N, C-alpha and C. Protein backbone atom coordinates (compact mmCIF):
# COMPACT_ATOMS: atom_id res chain seq x y z
N UNK A 1 0.85 -1.18 0.00
CA UNK A 1 0.00 0.00 0.00
C UNK A 1 0.89 1.23 0.00
N UNK A 2 0.67 2.11 -0.94
CA UNK A 2 1.45 3.34 -1.05
C UNK A 2 1.23 4.18 0.19
N UNK A 3 2.30 4.75 0.75
CA UNK A 3 2.17 5.49 2.00
C UNK A 3 2.35 6.99 1.83
N UNK A 4 2.19 7.51 0.62
CA UNK A 4 2.35 8.93 0.40
C UNK A 4 1.19 9.69 1.04
N UNK A 5 1.50 10.68 1.88
CA UNK A 5 0.49 11.47 2.54
C UNK A 5 0.19 12.73 1.72
N UNK A 6 -0.93 13.34 2.00
CA UNK A 6 -1.34 14.56 1.33
C UNK A 6 -1.36 15.69 2.34
N UNK A 7 -0.75 16.82 1.97
CA UNK A 7 -0.70 17.98 2.85
C UNK A 7 -1.86 18.91 2.55
N UNK A 8 -2.22 19.68 3.55
CA UNK A 8 -3.34 20.59 3.40
C UNK A 8 -3.06 21.87 4.17
N UNK A 9 -3.39 22.98 3.56
CA UNK A 9 -3.46 24.24 4.28
C UNK A 9 -4.54 25.06 3.61
N UNK A 10 -5.18 25.89 4.41
CA UNK A 10 -6.30 26.65 3.89
C UNK A 10 -5.81 28.00 3.39
N UNK A 11 -6.24 28.38 2.17
CA UNK A 11 -5.81 29.67 1.64
C UNK A 11 -6.43 30.83 2.40
N UNK A 12 -5.73 31.94 2.39
CA UNK A 12 -6.22 33.14 3.05
C UNK A 12 -5.26 34.27 2.78
N UNK A 13 -5.22 35.21 3.67
CA UNK A 13 -4.36 36.37 3.50
C UNK A 13 -2.98 36.07 4.04
N UNK A 14 -1.98 36.24 3.21
CA UNK A 14 -0.59 36.05 3.63
C UNK A 14 -0.01 37.43 3.90
N UNK A 15 0.63 37.63 5.05
CA UNK A 15 1.17 38.95 5.34
C UNK A 15 2.25 39.35 4.33
N UNK A 16 2.32 40.64 4.06
CA UNK A 16 3.33 41.12 3.12
C UNK A 16 4.66 41.21 3.86
N UNK A 17 5.59 40.37 3.46
CA UNK A 17 6.94 40.39 4.02
C UNK A 17 7.89 40.28 2.84
N UNK A 18 9.16 40.45 3.10
CA UNK A 18 10.12 40.31 2.01
C UNK A 18 10.13 38.90 1.46
N UNK A 19 9.87 37.91 2.30
CA UNK A 19 9.75 36.53 1.87
C UNK A 19 8.49 35.96 2.48
N UNK A 20 7.60 35.43 1.70
CA UNK A 20 6.35 34.93 2.26
C UNK A 20 6.55 33.77 3.21
N UNK A 21 7.75 33.16 3.27
CA UNK A 21 7.95 32.02 4.14
C UNK A 21 8.72 32.38 5.41
N UNK A 22 9.09 33.63 5.57
CA UNK A 22 9.77 34.07 6.79
C UNK A 22 8.78 34.83 7.65
N UNK A 23 8.30 34.20 8.70
CA UNK A 23 7.35 34.83 9.60
C UNK A 23 8.13 35.36 10.78
N UNK A 24 8.09 36.65 10.97
CA UNK A 24 8.82 37.25 12.08
C UNK A 24 7.95 37.22 13.33
N UNK A 25 8.55 37.32 14.52
CA UNK A 25 7.79 37.16 15.76
C UNK A 25 6.62 38.12 15.91
N UNK A 26 6.66 39.31 15.29
CA UNK A 26 5.57 40.24 15.48
C UNK A 26 4.30 39.83 14.72
N UNK A 27 4.40 38.85 13.82
CA UNK A 27 3.22 38.37 13.12
C UNK A 27 2.50 37.37 14.00
N UNK A 28 1.21 37.55 14.14
CA UNK A 28 0.42 36.61 14.92
C UNK A 28 -0.95 36.51 14.28
N UNK A 29 -1.74 35.63 14.79
CA UNK A 29 -3.09 35.47 14.28
C UNK A 29 -3.15 34.65 13.01
N UNK A 30 -4.23 34.85 12.28
CA UNK A 30 -4.54 34.02 11.12
C UNK A 30 -3.44 34.07 10.05
N UNK A 31 -2.89 35.25 9.81
CA UNK A 31 -1.87 35.35 8.76
C UNK A 31 -0.62 34.57 9.13
N UNK A 32 -0.19 34.67 10.37
CA UNK A 32 1.00 33.92 10.80
C UNK A 32 0.72 32.43 10.81
N UNK A 33 -0.48 32.05 11.27
CA UNK A 33 -0.85 30.63 11.25
C UNK A 33 -0.73 30.09 9.84
N UNK A 34 -1.31 30.80 8.89
CA UNK A 34 -1.28 30.33 7.52
C UNK A 34 0.14 30.27 6.98
N UNK A 35 0.93 31.27 7.29
CA UNK A 35 2.32 31.28 6.84
C UNK A 35 3.08 30.06 7.37
N UNK A 36 2.92 29.78 8.66
CA UNK A 36 3.61 28.62 9.25
C UNK A 36 3.11 27.32 8.61
N UNK A 37 1.82 27.23 8.38
CA UNK A 37 1.26 26.01 7.79
C UNK A 37 1.78 25.82 6.36
N UNK A 38 1.82 26.89 5.59
CA UNK A 38 2.35 26.80 4.23
C UNK A 38 3.84 26.47 4.25
N UNK A 39 4.56 27.15 5.13
CA UNK A 39 5.99 26.91 5.26
C UNK A 39 6.26 25.45 5.61
N UNK A 40 5.49 24.92 6.55
CA UNK A 40 5.64 23.52 6.93
C UNK A 40 5.40 22.58 5.77
N UNK A 41 4.37 22.85 4.98
CA UNK A 41 4.06 21.99 3.83
C UNK A 41 5.20 22.03 2.81
N UNK A 42 5.74 23.20 2.57
CA UNK A 42 6.85 23.33 1.62
C UNK A 42 8.08 22.58 2.13
N UNK A 43 8.41 22.80 3.41
CA UNK A 43 9.55 22.09 3.98
C UNK A 43 9.34 20.57 3.89
N UNK A 44 8.15 20.13 4.22
CA UNK A 44 7.87 18.69 4.20
C UNK A 44 8.03 18.13 2.79
N UNK A 45 7.54 18.84 1.81
CA UNK A 45 7.64 18.37 0.43
C UNK A 45 9.09 18.39 -0.06
N UNK A 46 9.93 19.18 0.58
CA UNK A 46 11.36 19.21 0.25
C UNK A 46 12.16 18.20 1.07
N UNK A 47 11.48 17.49 1.97
CA UNK A 47 12.15 16.52 2.82
C UNK A 47 12.86 17.13 4.01
N UNK A 48 12.59 18.40 4.29
CA UNK A 48 13.19 19.08 5.45
C UNK A 48 12.26 18.90 6.65
N UNK A 49 12.27 17.69 7.19
CA UNK A 49 11.29 17.33 8.21
C UNK A 49 11.42 18.10 9.51
N UNK A 50 12.64 18.35 9.96
CA UNK A 50 12.82 19.09 11.21
C UNK A 50 12.21 20.49 11.10
N UNK A 51 12.47 21.15 9.99
CA UNK A 51 11.93 22.50 9.77
C UNK A 51 10.41 22.45 9.63
N UNK A 52 9.92 21.40 8.97
CA UNK A 52 8.47 21.25 8.80
C UNK A 52 7.80 21.06 10.15
N UNK A 53 8.37 20.21 11.00
CA UNK A 53 7.81 20.01 12.34
C UNK A 53 7.74 21.32 13.11
N UNK A 54 8.83 22.07 13.06
CA UNK A 54 8.86 23.35 13.78
C UNK A 54 7.76 24.28 13.28
N UNK A 55 7.60 24.36 11.97
CA UNK A 55 6.60 25.25 11.39
C UNK A 55 5.18 24.81 11.78
N UNK A 56 4.89 23.52 11.69
CA UNK A 56 3.54 23.05 12.04
C UNK A 56 3.26 23.22 13.53
N UNK A 57 4.28 23.01 14.36
CA UNK A 57 4.09 23.22 15.80
C UNK A 57 3.82 24.70 16.11
N UNK A 58 4.47 25.59 15.37
CA UNK A 58 4.20 27.03 15.56
C UNK A 58 2.78 27.36 15.11
N UNK A 59 2.34 26.75 14.02
CA UNK A 59 0.96 26.97 13.55
C UNK A 59 -0.02 26.50 14.62
N UNK A 60 0.27 25.36 15.24
CA UNK A 60 -0.61 24.82 16.28
C UNK A 60 -0.59 25.71 17.52
N UNK A 61 0.57 26.31 17.85
CA UNK A 61 0.62 27.25 18.98
C UNK A 61 -0.32 28.41 18.74
N UNK A 62 -0.38 28.89 17.50
CA UNK A 62 -1.25 30.02 17.16
C UNK A 62 -2.71 29.59 17.13
N UNK A 63 -2.98 28.42 16.56
CA UNK A 63 -4.35 27.91 16.47
C UNK A 63 -4.37 26.45 16.89
N UNK A 64 -4.53 26.20 18.19
CA UNK A 64 -4.52 24.82 18.68
C UNK A 64 -5.74 24.01 18.25
N UNK A 65 -6.69 24.65 17.59
CA UNK A 65 -7.88 23.96 17.11
C UNK A 65 -7.85 23.77 15.60
N UNK A 66 -6.67 23.70 15.03
CA UNK A 66 -6.52 23.51 13.59
C UNK A 66 -6.33 22.05 13.25
N UNK A 67 -7.37 21.44 12.70
CA UNK A 67 -7.25 20.05 12.24
C UNK A 67 -6.23 19.95 11.12
N UNK A 68 -6.17 20.97 10.25
CA UNK A 68 -5.22 20.94 9.14
C UNK A 68 -3.78 20.86 9.63
N UNK A 69 -3.43 21.66 10.62
CA UNK A 69 -2.05 21.67 11.12
C UNK A 69 -1.70 20.33 11.79
N UNK A 70 -2.64 19.77 12.54
CA UNK A 70 -2.39 18.46 13.15
C UNK A 70 -2.27 17.37 12.09
N UNK A 71 -3.09 17.46 11.05
CA UNK A 71 -3.00 16.50 9.95
C UNK A 71 -1.62 16.60 9.30
N UNK A 72 -1.18 17.81 9.02
CA UNK A 72 0.14 18.01 8.42
C UNK A 72 1.26 17.53 9.34
N UNK A 73 1.12 17.79 10.63
CA UNK A 73 2.11 17.33 11.60
C UNK A 73 2.19 15.80 11.56
N UNK A 74 1.05 15.15 11.47
CA UNK A 74 1.03 13.69 11.36
C UNK A 74 1.76 13.20 10.12
N UNK A 75 1.61 13.93 9.02
CA UNK A 75 2.31 13.55 7.79
C UNK A 75 3.82 13.59 7.97
N UNK A 76 4.30 14.63 8.62
CA UNK A 76 5.75 14.77 8.82
C UNK A 76 6.27 13.67 9.74
N UNK A 77 5.55 13.41 10.82
CA UNK A 77 5.97 12.31 11.70
C UNK A 77 6.03 11.00 10.90
N UNK A 78 5.08 10.80 10.02
CA UNK A 78 5.09 9.61 9.19
C UNK A 78 6.30 9.54 8.28
N UNK A 79 6.66 10.68 7.68
CA UNK A 79 7.84 10.74 6.82
C UNK A 79 9.11 10.43 7.61
N UNK A 80 9.08 10.73 8.90
CA UNK A 80 10.24 10.51 9.75
C UNK A 80 10.25 9.10 10.34
N UNK A 81 9.25 8.29 9.99
CA UNK A 81 9.18 6.93 10.50
C UNK A 81 8.62 6.83 11.91
N UNK A 82 8.05 7.92 12.40
CA UNK A 82 7.48 7.94 13.74
C UNK A 82 5.97 7.74 13.62
N UNK A 83 5.60 6.50 13.28
CA UNK A 83 4.21 6.21 12.94
C UNK A 83 3.24 6.43 14.10
N UNK A 84 3.64 6.10 15.32
CA UNK A 84 2.72 6.28 16.45
C UNK A 84 2.44 7.76 16.70
N UNK A 85 3.47 8.60 16.57
CA UNK A 85 3.25 10.05 16.71
C UNK A 85 2.38 10.55 15.56
N UNK A 86 2.58 9.96 14.40
CA UNK A 86 1.75 10.31 13.24
C UNK A 86 0.29 9.99 13.53
N UNK A 87 0.03 8.79 14.02
CA UNK A 87 -1.34 8.37 14.34
C UNK A 87 -1.93 9.27 15.41
N UNK A 88 -1.15 9.60 16.44
CA UNK A 88 -1.64 10.48 17.51
C UNK A 88 -2.03 11.85 16.95
N UNK A 89 -1.23 12.37 16.04
CA UNK A 89 -1.53 13.69 15.44
C UNK A 89 -2.81 13.62 14.62
N UNK A 90 -2.97 12.54 13.84
CA UNK A 90 -4.19 12.38 13.05
C UNK A 90 -5.42 12.26 13.96
N UNK A 91 -5.28 11.51 15.04
CA UNK A 91 -6.41 11.36 15.97
C UNK A 91 -6.78 12.70 16.60
N UNK A 92 -5.78 13.52 16.89
CA UNK A 92 -6.05 14.86 17.43
C UNK A 92 -6.79 15.70 16.39
N UNK A 93 -6.38 15.61 15.13
CA UNK A 93 -7.06 16.35 14.07
C UNK A 93 -8.51 15.92 13.96
N UNK A 94 -8.76 14.61 14.05
CA UNK A 94 -10.13 14.10 13.96
C UNK A 94 -10.94 14.50 15.18
N UNK A 95 -10.30 14.56 16.34
CA UNK A 95 -10.97 15.03 17.55
C UNK A 95 -11.45 16.48 17.36
N UNK A 96 -10.63 17.28 16.71
CA UNK A 96 -10.98 18.68 16.45
C UNK A 96 -12.05 18.78 15.37
N UNK A 97 -11.89 18.01 14.31
CA UNK A 97 -12.84 18.05 13.18
C UNK A 97 -13.16 16.62 12.77
N UNK A 98 -14.22 16.04 13.32
CA UNK A 98 -14.55 14.65 13.03
C UNK A 98 -14.93 14.37 11.58
N UNK A 99 -15.04 15.40 10.75
CA UNK A 99 -15.39 15.22 9.34
C UNK A 99 -14.21 15.54 8.42
N UNK A 100 -13.00 15.57 8.95
CA UNK A 100 -11.81 15.96 8.20
C UNK A 100 -11.36 14.78 7.33
N UNK A 101 -11.89 14.70 6.12
CA UNK A 101 -11.68 13.53 5.27
C UNK A 101 -10.21 13.30 4.94
N UNK A 102 -9.45 14.36 4.74
CA UNK A 102 -8.04 14.20 4.40
C UNK A 102 -7.28 13.51 5.54
N UNK A 103 -7.62 13.83 6.76
CA UNK A 103 -6.97 13.19 7.90
C UNK A 103 -7.31 11.71 7.95
N UNK A 104 -8.58 11.37 7.72
CA UNK A 104 -8.94 9.95 7.69
C UNK A 104 -8.16 9.21 6.61
N UNK A 105 -8.04 9.83 5.46
CA UNK A 105 -7.28 9.22 4.36
C UNK A 105 -5.83 8.99 4.77
N UNK A 106 -5.18 10.03 5.29
CA UNK A 106 -3.78 9.90 5.70
C UNK A 106 -3.62 8.89 6.83
N UNK A 107 -4.57 8.86 7.75
CA UNK A 107 -4.55 7.87 8.82
C UNK A 107 -4.66 6.46 8.22
N UNK A 108 -5.53 6.31 7.24
CA UNK A 108 -5.66 5.02 6.57
C UNK A 108 -4.37 4.60 5.88
N UNK A 109 -3.70 5.53 5.23
CA UNK A 109 -2.43 5.22 4.58
C UNK A 109 -1.40 4.79 5.62
N UNK A 110 -1.40 5.45 6.77
CA UNK A 110 -0.45 5.10 7.82
C UNK A 110 -0.75 3.72 8.37
N UNK A 111 -2.01 3.46 8.68
CA UNK A 111 -2.37 2.12 9.15
C UNK A 111 -2.00 1.06 8.11
N UNK A 112 -2.23 1.35 6.86
CA UNK A 112 -1.88 0.41 5.80
C UNK A 112 -0.39 0.12 5.78
N UNK A 113 0.42 1.16 5.97
CA UNK A 113 1.88 0.96 5.96
C UNK A 113 2.35 0.12 7.14
N UNK A 114 1.53 0.07 8.19
CA UNK A 114 1.84 -0.73 9.38
C UNK A 114 1.17 -2.10 9.32
N UNK A 115 0.54 -2.40 8.18
CA UNK A 115 -0.16 -3.66 7.98
C UNK A 115 -1.35 -3.81 8.93
N UNK A 116 -1.90 -2.69 9.36
CA UNK A 116 -3.10 -2.68 10.20
C UNK A 116 -4.29 -2.46 9.25
N UNK A 117 -4.58 -3.49 8.49
CA UNK A 117 -5.46 -3.39 7.34
C UNK A 117 -6.89 -3.03 7.72
N UNK A 118 -7.44 -3.64 8.75
CA UNK A 118 -8.83 -3.33 9.12
C UNK A 118 -8.98 -1.87 9.52
N UNK A 119 -8.01 -1.35 10.28
CA UNK A 119 -8.06 0.06 10.67
C UNK A 119 -7.87 0.97 9.46
N UNK A 120 -7.04 0.53 8.52
CA UNK A 120 -6.83 1.30 7.29
C UNK A 120 -8.12 1.38 6.49
N UNK A 121 -8.80 0.25 6.37
CA UNK A 121 -10.07 0.21 5.63
C UNK A 121 -11.09 1.13 6.29
N UNK A 122 -11.21 1.02 7.59
CA UNK A 122 -12.17 1.87 8.31
C UNK A 122 -11.87 3.35 8.10
N UNK A 123 -10.61 3.72 8.18
CA UNK A 123 -10.23 5.12 8.00
C UNK A 123 -10.54 5.61 6.59
N UNK A 124 -10.22 4.80 5.58
CA UNK A 124 -10.50 5.21 4.20
C UNK A 124 -12.00 5.29 3.94
N UNK A 125 -12.77 4.41 4.54
CA UNK A 125 -14.23 4.48 4.41
C UNK A 125 -14.76 5.77 5.04
N UNK A 126 -14.17 6.16 6.17
CA UNK A 126 -14.57 7.43 6.79
C UNK A 126 -14.23 8.61 5.88
N UNK A 127 -13.07 8.55 5.23
CA UNK A 127 -12.70 9.63 4.30
C UNK A 127 -13.75 9.77 3.21
N UNK A 128 -14.20 8.64 2.68
CA UNK A 128 -15.22 8.65 1.62
C UNK A 128 -16.57 9.10 2.15
N UNK A 129 -16.89 8.71 3.37
CA UNK A 129 -18.16 9.13 3.96
C UNK A 129 -18.26 10.66 4.00
N UNK A 130 -17.15 11.31 4.35
CA UNK A 130 -17.17 12.76 4.49
C UNK A 130 -16.81 13.49 3.21
N UNK A 131 -16.27 12.78 2.23
CA UNK A 131 -16.00 13.35 0.91
C UNK A 131 -16.21 12.24 -0.13
N UNK A 132 -17.44 12.08 -0.61
CA UNK A 132 -17.75 10.98 -1.53
C UNK A 132 -17.02 11.06 -2.88
N UNK A 133 -16.34 12.16 -3.15
CA UNK A 133 -15.61 12.32 -4.41
C UNK A 133 -14.10 12.18 -4.23
N UNK A 134 -13.68 11.66 -3.10
CA UNK A 134 -12.26 11.53 -2.76
C UNK A 134 -11.70 10.30 -3.46
N UNK A 135 -11.29 10.47 -4.70
CA UNK A 135 -10.89 9.33 -5.54
C UNK A 135 -9.69 8.57 -4.98
N UNK A 136 -8.76 9.26 -4.36
CA UNK A 136 -7.59 8.58 -3.81
C UNK A 136 -7.97 7.62 -2.70
N UNK A 137 -9.00 7.97 -1.92
CA UNK A 137 -9.45 7.08 -0.85
C UNK A 137 -10.07 5.81 -1.44
N UNK A 138 -10.81 5.96 -2.54
CA UNK A 138 -11.36 4.78 -3.22
C UNK A 138 -10.21 3.89 -3.72
N UNK A 139 -9.19 4.51 -4.29
CA UNK A 139 -8.06 3.73 -4.79
C UNK A 139 -7.35 3.00 -3.65
N UNK A 140 -7.18 3.67 -2.53
CA UNK A 140 -6.56 3.01 -1.37
C UNK A 140 -7.39 1.83 -0.90
N UNK A 141 -8.72 2.01 -0.87
CA UNK A 141 -9.58 0.89 -0.49
C UNK A 141 -9.43 -0.27 -1.46
N UNK A 142 -9.34 0.04 -2.75
CA UNK A 142 -9.16 -1.01 -3.75
C UNK A 142 -7.89 -1.80 -3.45
N UNK A 143 -6.80 -1.11 -3.16
CA UNK A 143 -5.54 -1.78 -2.87
C UNK A 143 -5.62 -2.60 -1.57
N UNK A 144 -6.27 -2.04 -0.58
CA UNK A 144 -6.40 -2.75 0.70
C UNK A 144 -7.23 -4.03 0.54
N UNK A 145 -8.33 -3.92 -0.20
CA UNK A 145 -9.15 -5.11 -0.41
C UNK A 145 -8.43 -6.15 -1.28
N UNK A 146 -7.66 -5.68 -2.23
CA UNK A 146 -6.86 -6.62 -3.03
C UNK A 146 -5.89 -7.37 -2.13
N UNK A 147 -5.24 -6.64 -1.25
CA UNK A 147 -4.29 -7.23 -0.30
C UNK A 147 -4.97 -8.29 0.56
N UNK A 148 -6.24 -8.04 0.93
CA UNK A 148 -7.00 -8.99 1.75
C UNK A 148 -7.56 -10.16 0.95
N UNK A 149 -7.44 -10.09 -0.38
CA UNK A 149 -7.98 -11.15 -1.22
C UNK A 149 -9.45 -10.98 -1.52
N UNK A 150 -9.99 -9.81 -1.27
CA UNK A 150 -11.40 -9.52 -1.58
C UNK A 150 -11.42 -8.79 -2.93
N UNK A 151 -11.25 -9.58 -3.97
CA UNK A 151 -11.02 -9.03 -5.30
C UNK A 151 -12.23 -8.32 -5.89
N UNK A 152 -13.45 -8.80 -5.56
CA UNK A 152 -14.65 -8.13 -6.05
C UNK A 152 -14.73 -6.70 -5.51
N UNK A 153 -14.41 -6.53 -4.25
CA UNK A 153 -14.41 -5.18 -3.66
C UNK A 153 -13.26 -4.34 -4.21
N UNK A 154 -12.12 -4.97 -4.45
CA UNK A 154 -10.99 -4.25 -5.03
C UNK A 154 -11.37 -3.68 -6.39
N UNK A 155 -12.03 -4.49 -7.21
CA UNK A 155 -12.47 -4.03 -8.54
C UNK A 155 -13.49 -2.91 -8.39
N UNK A 156 -14.45 -3.10 -7.50
CA UNK A 156 -15.50 -2.09 -7.30
C UNK A 156 -14.91 -0.73 -6.91
N UNK A 157 -14.03 -0.72 -5.92
CA UNK A 157 -13.45 0.54 -5.46
C UNK A 157 -12.48 1.13 -6.48
N UNK A 158 -11.77 0.29 -7.19
CA UNK A 158 -10.87 0.78 -8.24
C UNK A 158 -11.67 1.45 -9.36
N UNK A 159 -12.75 0.81 -9.77
CA UNK A 159 -13.60 1.39 -10.82
C UNK A 159 -14.16 2.75 -10.40
N UNK A 160 -14.55 2.85 -9.14
CA UNK A 160 -15.10 4.12 -8.66
C UNK A 160 -14.00 5.20 -8.61
N UNK A 161 -12.80 4.82 -8.22
CA UNK A 161 -11.69 5.78 -8.20
C UNK A 161 -11.44 6.32 -9.61
N UNK A 162 -11.40 5.43 -10.57
CA UNK A 162 -11.18 5.83 -11.97
C UNK A 162 -12.33 6.69 -12.46
N UNK A 163 -13.56 6.29 -12.13
CA UNK A 163 -14.74 7.06 -12.55
C UNK A 163 -14.67 8.50 -12.02
N UNK A 164 -14.10 8.64 -10.83
CA UNK A 164 -13.99 9.96 -10.21
C UNK A 164 -12.77 10.74 -10.70
N UNK A 165 -12.00 10.15 -11.61
CA UNK A 165 -10.88 10.87 -12.21
C UNK A 165 -9.51 10.50 -11.69
N UNK A 166 -9.43 9.50 -10.84
CA UNK A 166 -8.12 9.09 -10.31
C UNK A 166 -7.31 8.42 -11.41
N UNK A 167 -6.05 8.79 -11.52
CA UNK A 167 -5.13 8.16 -12.47
C UNK A 167 -4.53 6.93 -11.81
N UNK A 168 -5.22 5.83 -11.94
CA UNK A 168 -4.81 4.59 -11.28
C UNK A 168 -3.51 4.06 -11.88
N UNK A 169 -2.74 3.38 -11.06
CA UNK A 169 -1.51 2.75 -11.49
C UNK A 169 -1.85 1.60 -12.44
N UNK A 170 -1.28 1.62 -13.63
CA UNK A 170 -1.60 0.61 -14.64
C UNK A 170 -1.26 -0.80 -14.17
N UNK A 171 -0.19 -0.95 -13.42
CA UNK A 171 0.18 -2.28 -12.92
C UNK A 171 -0.90 -2.84 -12.00
N UNK A 172 -1.47 -1.95 -11.18
CA UNK A 172 -2.55 -2.39 -10.29
C UNK A 172 -3.79 -2.76 -11.10
N UNK A 173 -4.11 -1.94 -12.09
CA UNK A 173 -5.27 -2.26 -12.94
C UNK A 173 -5.07 -3.60 -13.65
N UNK A 174 -3.84 -3.87 -14.07
CA UNK A 174 -3.54 -5.15 -14.72
C UNK A 174 -3.74 -6.32 -13.74
N UNK A 175 -3.38 -6.11 -12.48
CA UNK A 175 -3.58 -7.15 -11.47
C UNK A 175 -5.06 -7.48 -11.28
N UNK A 176 -5.90 -6.48 -11.49
CA UNK A 176 -7.34 -6.66 -11.30
C UNK A 176 -8.03 -7.35 -12.47
N UNK A 177 -7.40 -7.36 -13.64
CA UNK A 177 -8.04 -7.89 -14.85
C UNK A 177 -8.64 -9.28 -14.67
N UNK A 178 -7.94 -10.23 -14.07
CA UNK A 178 -8.54 -11.57 -13.95
C UNK A 178 -9.80 -11.61 -13.06
N UNK A 179 -10.00 -10.57 -12.28
CA UNK A 179 -11.13 -10.58 -11.33
C UNK A 179 -12.32 -9.78 -11.83
N UNK A 180 -12.20 -9.20 -13.00
CA UNK A 180 -13.31 -8.44 -13.59
C UNK A 180 -14.30 -9.41 -14.21
N UNK A 181 -15.57 -9.09 -14.01
CA UNK A 181 -16.62 -9.92 -14.63
C UNK A 181 -16.72 -9.59 -16.09
N UNK A 182 -16.88 -10.63 -16.91
CA UNK A 182 -16.94 -10.42 -18.36
C UNK A 182 -18.34 -10.24 -18.84
């Protein structure tokens, strides 16, 4: 099961500074929160995990009720191989926003990477419940069900992912061919 996480930050007003990623101490509130969250996502995507953690933790200091920042923090912990901290961060995000589909998806990917398949399936189903158009969650479910040997469900969820516009991995689609009804 692919363990790539998805980062999220909400767009808004970014303070005018010489560099949009340098937040000075006098910046606070929504603009600084957003800057730290964006900065963390950029650092994480560059593989600068220590800097990403610092940025997301600063965003959480500003807004401790941000499911997005906790979700992103969980992603970085996952990239660092700290899966339990990753899971704890995702659970905190869900506690804040029980309908945060992206967090459920990322939690499902983490559980899948730990071979905790039933928990991964449950998390991906929750992601779909709160966002029925979340094609990546359908694709993850397809892979999880394939792994479990439930090929009919793997085909069903894969077809739905593709129908929703997901660019499915051709090798995985080829694996499903023998299980498709003619």
